[in-house]
Amino acid sequence: MLVSRSPRRIEILTRAGIPFIVRPADVDETPHPDENPLSYSLRVAEDKALAVEAAPEEIVLGADTIVAIGNEILGKPADDTDAARMLRRISGRRHDVITGLCIRFGDRIIRDSARTSVWFAELSPQEITEYVASGEPSDKAGAYAIQGLASKFVERIDGCYSNVVGLPIALVYRYLRDLAGPAAVHL
């Protein structure tokens, strides 16, 4: 069971051939004071995984993806002004994309994370304005989609590409395979 409304996570799992059902949960995603990006993403992922009822044989996956510059968390932008602010922050520099994972199976709870470093090109004010006007940044952590229009701004990455999209699928699959076996992998 995937505890998410993210179309990107749905697409990643579908393309990987992992059967799943979607059962989103509303959890408070407000960062706690002095909470670092890794702790935040792990806490929100766990809150999601624990927020839904599941049968003992169901595997539950909660995930939360954020962009971080040092200890600054860049979640989804509140509006176009916030999206432009975030894009100015990551312009011409490296940032990290962190996905916290919580997988629940019966009484077992697995917590892990993936971190991918991303280097963005220097963006002009016009590029930021045009990209924000496209609407693509509106529901994306860090205000960009590596798989979309923003792909032209990404100079390089170090780590898992699918993590930047929203779910480190190889890591998720490894845990699912270990829990259920390769023939029975499903959420």
N, C-alpha and C. Protein backbone atom coordinates (compact mmCIF):
# COMPACT_ATOMS: atom_id res chain seq x y z
N MET A 1 0.84 -1.16 0.00
CA MET A 1 0.00 0.00 0.00
C MET A 1 0.89 1.23 0.00
N LEU A 2 0.66 2.13 -0.93
CA LEU A 2 1.40 3.38 -1.02
C LEU A 2 0.60 4.46 -0.32
N VAL A 3 1.19 5.07 0.69
CA VAL A 3 0.53 6.14 1.45
C VAL A 3 1.01 7.47 0.86
N SER A 4 0.46 7.80 -0.32
CA SER A 4 0.90 9.00 -1.02
C SER A 4 -0.09 9.35 -2.12
N ARG A 5 -0.19 10.65 -2.39
CA ARG A 5 -0.97 11.14 -3.52
C ARG A 5 -0.05 11.50 -4.69
N SER A 6 1.23 11.33 -4.52
CA SER A 6 2.21 11.78 -5.51
C SER A 6 2.07 11.04 -6.83
N PRO A 7 1.77 11.76 -7.90
CA PRO A 7 1.72 11.11 -9.21
C PRO A 7 3.08 10.57 -9.63
N ARG A 8 4.14 11.20 -9.15
CA ARG A 8 5.48 10.72 -9.50
C ARG A 8 5.78 9.39 -8.83
N ARG A 9 5.41 9.21 -7.58
CA ARG A 9 5.63 7.91 -6.92
C ARG A 9 4.78 6.83 -7.59
N ILE A 10 3.57 7.18 -7.92
CA ILE A 10 2.69 6.23 -8.60
C ILE A 10 3.31 5.80 -9.92
N GLU A 11 3.83 6.75 -10.68
CA GLU A 11 4.45 6.43 -11.97
C GLU A 11 5.71 5.58 -11.79
N ILE A 12 6.54 5.91 -10.81
CA ILE A 12 7.78 5.15 -10.59
C ILE A 12 7.45 3.69 -10.25
N LEU A 13 6.52 3.47 -9.33
CA LEU A 13 6.15 2.10 -8.96
C LEU A 13 5.53 1.36 -10.14
N THR A 14 4.68 2.04 -10.90
CA THR A 14 4.04 1.42 -12.06
C THR A 14 5.08 1.00 -13.10
N ARG A 15 6.00 1.91 -13.41
CA ARG A 15 7.05 1.60 -14.41
C ARG A 15 7.96 0.48 -13.94
N ALA A 16 8.14 0.34 -12.62
CA ALA A 16 8.98 -0.73 -12.09
C ALA A 16 8.23 -2.06 -12.03
N GLY A 17 6.93 -2.05 -12.34
CA GLY A 17 6.15 -3.28 -12.34
C GLY A 17 5.79 -3.78 -10.96
N ILE A 18 5.72 -2.89 -10.00
CA ILE A 18 5.38 -3.27 -8.63
C ILE A 18 3.91 -2.97 -8.39
N PRO A 19 3.08 -4.00 -8.21
CA PRO A 19 1.66 -3.76 -7.95
C PRO A 19 1.45 -3.06 -6.60
N PHE A 20 0.50 -2.16 -6.56
CA PHE A 20 0.23 -1.43 -5.32
C PHE A 20 -1.17 -0.86 -5.35
N ILE A 21 -1.63 -0.50 -4.17
CA ILE A 21 -2.86 0.28 -4.05
C ILE A 21 -2.46 1.59 -3.38
N VAL A 22 -3.25 2.62 -3.65
CA VAL A 22 -2.98 3.94 -3.08
C VAL A 22 -3.99 4.20 -1.97
N ARG A 23 -3.47 4.55 -0.81
CA ARG A 23 -4.31 4.94 0.31
C ARG A 23 -3.64 6.12 1.01
N PRO A 24 -3.85 7.34 0.48
CA PRO A 24 -3.18 8.50 1.07
C PRO A 24 -3.68 8.82 2.47
N ALA A 25 -2.84 9.48 3.22
CA ALA A 25 -3.19 9.91 4.57
C ALA A 25 -2.76 11.36 4.73
N ASP A 26 -3.53 12.09 5.48
CA ASP A 26 -3.17 13.47 5.77
C ASP A 26 -2.38 13.50 7.07
N VAL A 27 -1.15 13.96 6.99
CA VAL A 27 -0.32 14.11 8.18
C VAL A 27 0.24 15.54 8.20
N ASP A 28 0.57 15.99 9.37
CA ASP A 28 1.15 17.32 9.51
C ASP A 28 2.59 17.28 9.01
N GLU A 29 2.88 18.08 7.98
CA GLU A 29 4.22 18.11 7.40
C GLU A 29 4.98 19.37 7.79
N THR A 30 4.57 19.99 8.88
CA THR A 30 5.27 21.18 9.37
C THR A 30 6.57 20.77 10.04
N PRO A 31 7.70 21.33 9.59
CA PRO A 31 8.97 20.99 10.26
C PRO A 31 8.95 21.45 11.72
N HIS A 32 9.53 20.64 12.58
CA HIS A 32 9.69 21.01 13.98
C HIS A 32 10.87 21.99 14.11
N PRO A 33 10.84 22.84 15.13
CA PRO A 33 11.97 23.76 15.32
C PRO A 33 13.29 22.98 15.42
N ASP A 34 14.29 23.46 14.73
CA ASP A 34 15.64 22.87 14.74
C ASP A 34 15.70 21.44 14.21
N GLU A 35 14.68 21.00 13.47
CA GLU A 35 14.69 19.66 12.89
C GLU A 35 15.53 19.68 11.61
N ASN A 36 16.51 18.80 11.52
CA ASN A 36 17.34 18.78 10.32
C ASN A 36 16.60 18.07 9.19
N PRO A 37 17.03 18.28 7.93
CA PRO A 37 16.31 17.72 6.79
C PRO A 37 16.12 16.21 6.83
N LEU A 38 17.16 15.46 7.21
CA LEU A 38 17.04 14.00 7.26
C LEU A 38 16.03 13.58 8.32
N SER A 39 16.13 14.11 9.51
CA SER A 39 15.18 13.77 10.57
C SER A 39 13.75 14.12 10.16
N TYR A 40 13.60 15.26 9.53
CA TYR A 40 12.27 15.69 9.07
C TYR A 40 11.68 14.69 8.07
N SER A 41 12.45 14.35 7.04
CA SER A 41 11.92 13.46 6.00
C SER A 41 11.60 12.08 6.56
N LEU A 42 12.43 11.58 7.48
CA LEU A 42 12.15 10.28 8.11
C LEU A 42 10.91 10.34 8.99
N ARG A 43 10.75 11.42 9.74
CA ARG A 43 9.58 11.56 10.61
C ARG A 43 8.29 11.61 9.80
N VAL A 44 8.27 12.40 8.74
CA VAL A 44 7.06 12.52 7.93
C VAL A 44 6.75 11.19 7.24
N ALA A 45 7.77 10.51 6.73
CA ALA A 45 7.54 9.20 6.09
C ALA A 45 6.94 8.21 7.09
N GLU A 46 7.47 8.20 8.31
CA GLU A 46 6.94 7.29 9.32
C GLU A 46 5.52 7.68 9.73
N ASP A 47 5.27 8.97 9.88
CA ASP A 47 3.91 9.42 10.21
C ASP A 47 2.92 8.94 9.15
N LYS A 48 3.31 9.01 7.89
CA LYS A 48 2.44 8.55 6.80
C LYS A 48 2.21 7.04 6.91
N ALA A 49 3.28 6.28 7.09
CA ALA A 49 3.16 4.82 7.13
C ALA A 49 2.32 4.34 8.30
N LEU A 50 2.35 5.08 9.40
CA LEU A 50 1.59 4.67 10.59
C LEU A 50 0.17 5.23 10.62
N ALA A 51 -0.15 6.11 9.68
CA ALA A 51 -1.45 6.79 9.70
C ALA A 51 -2.59 5.98 9.08
N VAL A 52 -2.28 4.87 8.43
CA VAL A 52 -3.32 4.08 7.77
C VAL A 52 -3.44 2.70 8.40
N GLU A 53 -4.65 2.19 8.35
CA GLU A 53 -4.90 0.81 8.80
C GLU A 53 -4.42 -0.15 7.72
N ALA A 54 -3.86 -1.25 8.13
CA ALA A 54 -3.40 -2.25 7.18
C ALA A 54 -3.57 -3.64 7.77
N ALA A 55 -3.91 -4.58 6.91
CA ALA A 55 -3.98 -5.98 7.32
C ALA A 55 -2.56 -6.46 7.60
N PRO A 56 -2.40 -7.49 8.44
CA PRO A 56 -1.06 -7.97 8.81
C PRO A 56 -0.20 -8.37 7.60
N GLU A 57 -0.83 -8.82 6.52
CA GLU A 57 -0.07 -9.26 5.35
C GLU A 57 0.20 -8.13 4.35
N GLU A 58 -0.29 -6.93 4.63
CA GLU A 58 -0.06 -5.80 3.73
C GLU A 58 1.24 -5.08 4.07
N ILE A 59 1.95 -4.71 3.03
CA ILE A 59 3.14 -3.88 3.18
C ILE A 59 2.71 -2.44 2.93
N VAL A 60 3.12 -1.56 3.83
CA VAL A 60 2.77 -0.14 3.75
C VAL A 60 4.04 0.67 3.52
N LEU A 61 3.98 1.57 2.54
CA LEU A 61 5.12 2.42 2.21
C LEU A 61 4.74 3.88 2.40
N GLY A 62 5.46 4.54 3.30
CA GLY A 62 5.36 5.98 3.46
C GLY A 62 6.68 6.60 3.01
N ALA A 63 6.60 7.72 2.30
CA ALA A 63 7.81 8.38 1.82
C ALA A 63 7.62 9.89 1.84
N ASP A 64 8.72 10.59 2.01
CA ASP A 64 8.69 12.05 1.95
C ASP A 64 9.99 12.53 1.32
N THR A 65 9.85 13.33 0.27
CA THR A 65 11.01 13.85 -0.46
C THR A 65 11.11 15.34 -0.26
N ILE A 66 12.32 15.78 0.06
CA ILE A 66 12.58 17.21 0.23
C ILE A 66 13.87 17.58 -0.48
N VAL A 67 14.03 18.86 -0.70
CA VAL A 67 15.29 19.42 -1.18
C VAL A 67 15.91 20.16 0.00
N ALA A 68 17.21 20.02 0.16
CA ALA A 68 17.89 20.67 1.28
C ALA A 68 19.16 21.35 0.80
N ILE A 69 19.37 22.54 1.35
CA ILE A 69 20.64 23.24 1.20
C ILE A 69 21.14 23.41 2.63
N GLY A 70 22.14 22.63 2.97
CA GLY A 70 22.59 22.61 4.36
C GLY A 70 21.44 22.11 5.23
N ASN A 71 21.06 22.88 6.24
CA ASN A 71 19.94 22.51 7.11
C ASN A 71 18.64 23.19 6.71
N GLU A 72 18.64 23.88 5.60
CA GLU A 72 17.42 24.54 5.12
C GLU A 72 16.59 23.55 4.29
N ILE A 73 15.35 23.36 4.69
CA ILE A 73 14.44 22.46 3.99
C ILE A 73 13.64 23.24 2.97
N LEU A 74 13.68 22.78 1.72
CA LEU A 74 12.86 23.36 0.67
C LEU A 74 11.80 22.32 0.30
N GLY A 75 10.62 22.51 0.82
CA GLY A 75 9.52 21.60 0.50
C GLY A 75 8.81 22.06 -0.75
N LYS A 76 7.52 21.85 -0.81
CA LYS A 76 6.72 22.33 -1.93
C LYS A 76 6.48 23.83 -1.75
N PRO A 77 6.59 24.60 -2.82
CA PRO A 77 6.39 26.05 -2.68
C PRO A 77 4.94 26.39 -2.35
N ALA A 78 4.78 27.43 -1.53
CA ALA A 78 3.44 27.89 -1.14
C ALA A 78 2.75 28.59 -2.30
N ASP A 79 3.52 29.25 -3.16
CA ASP A 79 2.95 30.00 -4.29
C ASP A 79 4.08 30.29 -5.27
N ASP A 80 3.78 31.05 -6.32
CA ASP A 80 4.79 31.35 -7.34
C ASP A 80 5.96 32.16 -6.78
N THR A 81 5.70 33.05 -5.87
CA THR A 81 6.77 33.84 -5.26
C THR A 81 7.72 32.94 -4.49
N ASP A 82 7.16 32.00 -3.75
CA ASP A 82 7.97 31.05 -3.00
C ASP A 82 8.76 30.15 -3.95
N ALA A 83 8.14 29.73 -5.06
CA ALA A 83 8.84 28.90 -6.04
C ALA A 83 10.04 29.66 -6.62
N ALA A 84 9.85 30.92 -6.95
CA ALA A 84 10.95 31.72 -7.49
C ALA A 84 12.07 31.86 -6.45
N ARG A 85 11.70 32.05 -5.18
CA ARG A 85 12.69 32.14 -4.11
C ARG A 85 13.52 30.86 -4.03
N MET A 86 12.85 29.72 -4.08
CA MET A 86 13.56 28.44 -4.00
C MET A 86 14.49 28.27 -5.19
N LEU A 87 14.03 28.61 -6.38
CA LEU A 87 14.87 28.46 -7.57
C LEU A 87 16.09 29.38 -7.50
N ARG A 88 15.93 30.57 -6.94
CA ARG A 88 17.10 31.44 -6.75
C ARG A 88 18.08 30.80 -5.75
N ARG A 89 17.57 30.10 -4.74
CA ARG A 89 18.43 29.46 -3.74
C ARG A 89 19.27 28.33 -4.34
N ILE A 90 18.68 27.57 -5.26
CA ILE A 90 19.42 26.43 -5.82
C ILE A 90 20.17 26.78 -7.10
N SER A 91 19.92 27.95 -7.65
CA SER A 91 20.58 28.39 -8.87
C SER A 91 22.10 28.43 -8.69
N GLY A 92 22.80 27.76 -9.60
CA GLY A 92 24.24 27.80 -9.61
C GLY A 92 24.93 27.08 -8.48
N ARG A 93 24.21 26.20 -7.80
CA ARG A 93 24.84 25.51 -6.67
C ARG A 93 24.34 24.08 -6.53
N ARG A 94 24.99 23.38 -5.62
CA ARG A 94 24.62 22.00 -5.32
C ARG A 94 23.59 22.01 -4.20
N HIS A 95 22.65 21.10 -4.31
CA HIS A 95 21.71 20.86 -3.21
C HIS A 95 21.50 19.35 -3.11
N ASP A 96 20.87 18.93 -2.03
CA ASP A 96 20.60 17.50 -1.83
C ASP A 96 19.11 17.24 -1.89
N VAL A 97 18.76 16.14 -2.51
CA VAL A 97 17.38 15.65 -2.49
C VAL A 97 17.37 14.45 -1.57
N ILE A 98 16.54 14.53 -0.54
CA ILE A 98 16.49 13.48 0.49
C ILE A 98 15.08 12.90 0.50
N THR A 99 14.99 11.59 0.43
CA THR A 99 13.71 10.91 0.59
C THR A 99 13.80 10.01 1.81
N GLY A 100 12.92 10.30 2.77
CA GLY A 100 12.78 9.43 3.93
C GLY A 100 11.79 8.33 3.58
N LEU A 101 12.09 7.12 4.00
CA LEU A 101 11.23 5.96 3.74
C LEU A 101 10.84 5.29 5.05
N CYS A 102 9.60 4.84 5.11
CA CYS A 102 9.17 3.98 6.21
C CYS A 102 8.33 2.87 5.60
N ILE A 103 8.77 1.64 5.78
CA ILE A 103 8.05 0.48 5.26
C ILE A 103 7.59 -0.33 6.45
N ARG A 104 6.29 -0.58 6.49
CA ARG A 104 5.68 -1.31 7.60
C ARG A 104 5.10 -2.62 7.08
N PHE A 105 5.42 -3.70 7.77
CA PHE A 105 4.91 -5.02 7.39
C PHE A 105 4.64 -5.77 8.69
N GLY A 106 3.36 -5.86 9.06
CA GLY A 106 3.02 -6.46 10.35
C GLY A 106 3.62 -5.61 11.46
N ASP A 107 4.43 -6.24 12.31
CA ASP A 107 5.07 -5.52 13.40
C ASP A 107 6.44 -4.94 13.02
N ARG A 108 6.89 -5.27 11.83
CA ARG A 108 8.21 -4.79 11.39
C ARG A 108 8.09 -3.37 10.83
N ILE A 109 9.03 -2.54 11.18
CA ILE A 109 9.11 -1.18 10.62
C ILE A 109 10.54 -0.95 10.17
N ILE A 110 10.68 -0.60 8.91
CA ILE A 110 11.99 -0.30 8.33
C ILE A 110 12.02 1.19 8.03
N ARG A 111 13.06 1.86 8.52
CA ARG A 111 13.25 3.28 8.25
C ARG A 111 14.59 3.42 7.52
N ASP A 112 14.56 4.17 6.44
CA ASP A 112 15.80 4.40 5.70
C ASP A 112 15.62 5.68 4.88
N SER A 113 16.68 6.05 4.21
CA SER A 113 16.60 7.26 3.39
C SER A 113 17.56 7.14 2.22
N ALA A 114 17.33 8.00 1.25
CA ALA A 114 18.24 8.12 0.11
C ALA A 114 18.57 9.59 -0.04
N ARG A 115 19.81 9.85 -0.42
CA ARG A 115 20.27 11.23 -0.63
C ARG A 115 20.95 11.29 -2.00
N THR A 116 20.54 12.25 -2.80
CA THR A 116 21.14 12.48 -4.11
C THR A 116 21.56 13.94 -4.18
N SER A 117 22.79 14.17 -4.58
CA SER A 117 23.27 15.55 -4.77
C SER A 117 22.98 15.98 -6.20
N VAL A 118 22.50 17.21 -6.35
CA VAL A 118 22.13 17.75 -7.65
C VAL A 118 22.82 19.10 -7.81
N TRP A 119 23.45 19.31 -8.97
CA TRP A 119 24.08 20.58 -9.29
C TRP A 119 23.24 21.30 -10.33
N PHE A 120 22.78 22.49 -10.00
CA PHE A 120 21.96 23.30 -10.90
C PHE A 120 22.84 24.34 -11.59
N ALA A 121 22.53 24.63 -12.84
CA ALA A 121 23.18 25.72 -13.56
C ALA A 121 22.73 27.05 -12.96
N GLU A 122 23.49 28.08 -13.24
CA GLU A 122 23.10 29.43 -12.84
C GLU A 122 21.88 29.83 -13.69
N LEU A 123 20.81 30.22 -13.02
CA LEU A 123 19.58 30.59 -13.73
C LEU A 123 19.44 32.10 -13.79
N SER A 124 19.04 32.59 -14.95
CA SER A 124 18.79 34.02 -15.08
C SER A 124 17.41 34.33 -14.49
N PRO A 125 17.18 35.59 -14.14
CA PRO A 125 15.85 35.97 -13.66
C PRO A 125 14.75 35.61 -14.66
N GLN A 126 15.04 35.75 -15.95
CA GLN A 126 14.05 35.41 -16.98
C GLN A 126 13.77 33.90 -16.99
N GLU A 127 14.80 33.08 -16.85
CA GLU A 127 14.60 31.63 -16.82
C GLU A 127 13.74 31.24 -15.62
N ILE A 128 13.99 31.86 -14.47
CA ILE A 128 13.19 31.57 -13.28
C ILE A 128 11.75 31.99 -13.50
N THR A 129 11.54 33.18 -14.02
CA THR A 129 10.18 33.68 -14.28
C THR A 129 9.43 32.77 -15.24
N GLU A 130 10.09 32.39 -16.33
CA GLU A 130 9.44 31.53 -17.33
C GLU A 130 9.15 30.14 -16.77
N TYR A 131 10.08 29.60 -16.00
CA TYR A 131 9.86 28.28 -15.44
C TYR A 131 8.71 28.30 -14.42
N VAL A 132 8.68 29.29 -13.56
CA VAL A 132 7.59 29.41 -12.59
C VAL A 132 6.26 29.56 -13.33
N ALA A 133 6.24 30.35 -14.41
CA ALA A 133 5.01 30.57 -15.19
C ALA A 133 4.51 29.28 -15.86
N SER A 134 5.40 28.31 -16.05
CA SER A 134 4.99 27.04 -16.66
C SER A 134 4.04 26.25 -15.76
N GLY A 135 4.08 26.56 -14.46
CA GLY A 135 3.25 25.83 -13.49
C GLY A 135 3.89 24.57 -12.96
N GLU A 136 4.96 24.12 -13.57
CA GLU A 136 5.59 22.86 -13.15
C GLU A 136 6.10 22.87 -11.71
N PRO A 137 6.63 23.98 -11.21
CA PRO A 137 7.18 23.95 -9.84
C PRO A 137 6.13 23.85 -8.73
N SER A 138 4.88 24.05 -9.02
CA SER A 138 3.86 24.27 -7.98
C SER A 138 3.73 23.17 -6.94
N ASP A 139 3.91 21.92 -7.29
CA ASP A 139 3.72 20.85 -6.30
C ASP A 139 4.96 19.98 -6.16
N LYS A 140 6.13 20.58 -6.40
CA LYS A 140 7.37 19.82 -6.36
C LYS A 140 8.28 20.33 -5.25
N ALA A 141 8.86 19.42 -4.51
CA ALA A 141 9.86 19.80 -3.50
C ALA A 141 10.99 20.55 -4.19
N GLY A 142 11.39 21.66 -3.63
CA GLY A 142 12.45 22.47 -4.21
C GLY A 142 12.03 23.25 -5.43
N ALA A 143 10.76 23.15 -5.81
CA ALA A 143 10.16 23.91 -6.91
C ALA A 143 10.68 23.52 -8.29
N TYR A 144 11.05 22.23 -8.46
CA TYR A 144 11.43 21.82 -9.81
C TYR A 144 11.18 20.32 -10.00
N ALA A 145 11.07 19.94 -11.28
CA ALA A 145 10.92 18.54 -11.67
C ALA A 145 12.08 18.17 -12.58
N ILE A 146 12.97 17.31 -12.10
CA ILE A 146 14.14 16.92 -12.88
C ILE A 146 13.73 16.21 -14.17
N GLN A 147 12.57 15.56 -14.15
CA GLN A 147 12.12 14.80 -15.31
C GLN A 147 11.32 15.67 -16.29
N GLY A 148 11.17 16.93 -15.98
CA GLY A 148 10.36 17.82 -16.81
C GLY A 148 11.17 18.94 -17.42
N LEU A 149 10.56 20.11 -17.45
CA LEU A 149 11.19 21.29 -18.06
C LEU A 149 12.49 21.68 -17.38
N ALA A 150 12.62 21.40 -16.10
CA ALA A 150 13.83 21.77 -15.36
C ALA A 150 15.02 20.87 -15.69
N SER A 151 14.81 19.83 -16.46
CA SER A 151 15.93 18.94 -16.79
C SER A 151 17.08 19.71 -17.44
N LYS A 152 16.76 20.76 -18.17
CA LYS A 152 17.80 21.53 -18.85
C LYS A 152 18.66 22.35 -17.89
N PHE A 153 18.24 22.48 -16.63
CA PHE A 153 19.00 23.23 -15.64
C PHE A 153 19.95 22.35 -14.82
N VAL A 154 19.80 21.04 -14.92
CA VAL A 154 20.58 20.11 -14.09
C VAL A 154 21.89 19.77 -14.79
N GLU A 155 22.99 20.21 -14.18
CA GLU A 155 24.31 19.96 -14.77
C GLU A 155 24.81 18.55 -14.48
N ARG A 156 24.53 18.06 -13.28
CA ARG A 156 24.91 16.68 -12.94
C ARG A 156 24.23 16.28 -11.64
N ILE A 157 24.23 14.96 -11.42
CA ILE A 157 23.73 14.42 -10.15
C ILE A 157 24.71 13.37 -9.66
N ASP A 158 24.69 13.15 -8.36
CA ASP A 158 25.47 12.09 -7.74
C ASP A 158 24.51 11.32 -6.85
N GLY A 159 24.10 10.15 -7.31
CA GLY A 159 23.14 9.35 -6.56
C GLY A 159 22.02 8.86 -7.45
N CYS A 160 20.95 8.48 -6.83
CA CYS A 160 19.81 7.85 -7.50
C CYS A 160 18.91 8.87 -8.19
N TYR A 161 18.76 8.74 -9.51
CA TYR A 161 17.91 9.65 -10.28
C TYR A 161 16.46 9.57 -9.82
N SER A 162 15.93 8.35 -9.65
CA SER A 162 14.51 8.22 -9.28
C SER A 162 14.23 8.83 -7.91
N ASN A 163 15.25 8.92 -7.06
CA ASN A 163 15.09 9.60 -5.78
C ASN A 163 14.74 11.07 -6.01
N VAL A 164 15.39 11.70 -6.98
CA VAL A 164 15.12 13.11 -7.27
C VAL A 164 13.71 13.28 -7.82
N VAL A 165 13.23 12.29 -8.55
CA VAL A 165 11.87 12.33 -9.07
C VAL A 165 10.86 12.16 -7.92
N GLY A 166 11.21 11.35 -6.91
CA GLY A 166 10.31 11.21 -5.77
C GLY A 166 10.33 9.89 -5.03
N LEU A 167 11.08 8.89 -5.53
CA LEU A 167 11.13 7.62 -4.83
C LEU A 167 12.36 6.83 -5.28
N PRO A 168 13.26 6.49 -4.36
CA PRO A 168 14.44 5.70 -4.72
C PRO A 168 14.03 4.24 -4.94
N ILE A 169 13.62 3.93 -6.15
CA ILE A 169 12.95 2.67 -6.43
C ILE A 169 13.83 1.45 -6.19
N ALA A 170 15.12 1.51 -6.47
CA ALA A 170 15.97 0.34 -6.23
C ALA A 170 16.04 0.02 -4.73
N LEU A 171 16.13 1.05 -3.90
CA LEU A 171 16.15 0.85 -2.45
C LEU A 171 14.82 0.28 -1.96
N VAL A 172 13.73 0.84 -2.45
CA VAL A 172 12.39 0.36 -2.06
C VAL A 172 12.23 -1.09 -2.48
N TYR A 173 12.60 -1.41 -3.73
CA TYR A 173 12.45 -2.79 -4.21
C TYR A 173 13.26 -3.77 -3.37
N ARG A 174 14.48 -3.38 -3.01
CA ARG A 174 15.32 -4.28 -2.19
C ARG A 174 14.62 -4.64 -0.89
N TYR A 175 14.02 -3.63 -0.23
CA TYR A 175 13.31 -3.92 1.02
C TYR A 175 12.07 -4.77 0.78
N LEU A 176 11.31 -4.47 -0.27
CA LEU A 176 10.11 -5.25 -0.57
C LEU A 176 10.48 -6.70 -0.87
N ARG A 177 11.53 -6.89 -1.65
CA ARG A 177 11.98 -8.24 -1.99
C ARG A 177 12.41 -9.00 -0.74
N ASP A 178 13.12 -8.30 0.15
CA ASP A 178 13.57 -8.95 1.39
C ASP A 178 12.40 -9.31 2.30
N LEU A 179 11.37 -8.48 2.29
CA LEU A 179 10.19 -8.75 3.14
C LEU A 179 9.29 -9.83 2.57
N ALA A 180 9.02 -9.76 1.26
CA ALA A 180 8.02 -10.63 0.68
C ALA A 180 8.54 -11.65 -0.32
N GLY A 181 9.78 -11.51 -0.75
CA GLY A 181 10.32 -12.39 -1.78
C GLY A 181 10.04 -11.80 -3.15
N PRO A 182 10.90 -12.07 -4.14
CA PRO A 182 10.78 -11.44 -5.44
C PRO A 182 9.47 -11.75 -6.16
N ALA A 183 8.91 -12.94 -5.95
CA ALA A 183 7.68 -13.31 -6.64
C ALA A 183 6.44 -12.67 -6.01
N ALA A 184 6.56 -12.19 -4.78
CA ALA A 184 5.39 -11.68 -4.08
C ALA A 184 5.47 -10.18 -3.80
N VAL A 185 6.39 -9.48 -4.46
CA VAL A 185 6.56 -8.05 -4.19
C VAL A 185 5.32 -7.29 -4.63
N HIS A 186 4.67 -6.66 -3.67
CA HIS A 186 3.55 -5.76 -3.97
C HIS A 186 3.26 -4.92 -2.73
N LEU A 187 2.70 -3.78 -2.99
CA LEU A 187 2.33 -2.87 -1.91
C LEU A 187 0.82 -2.84 -1.78
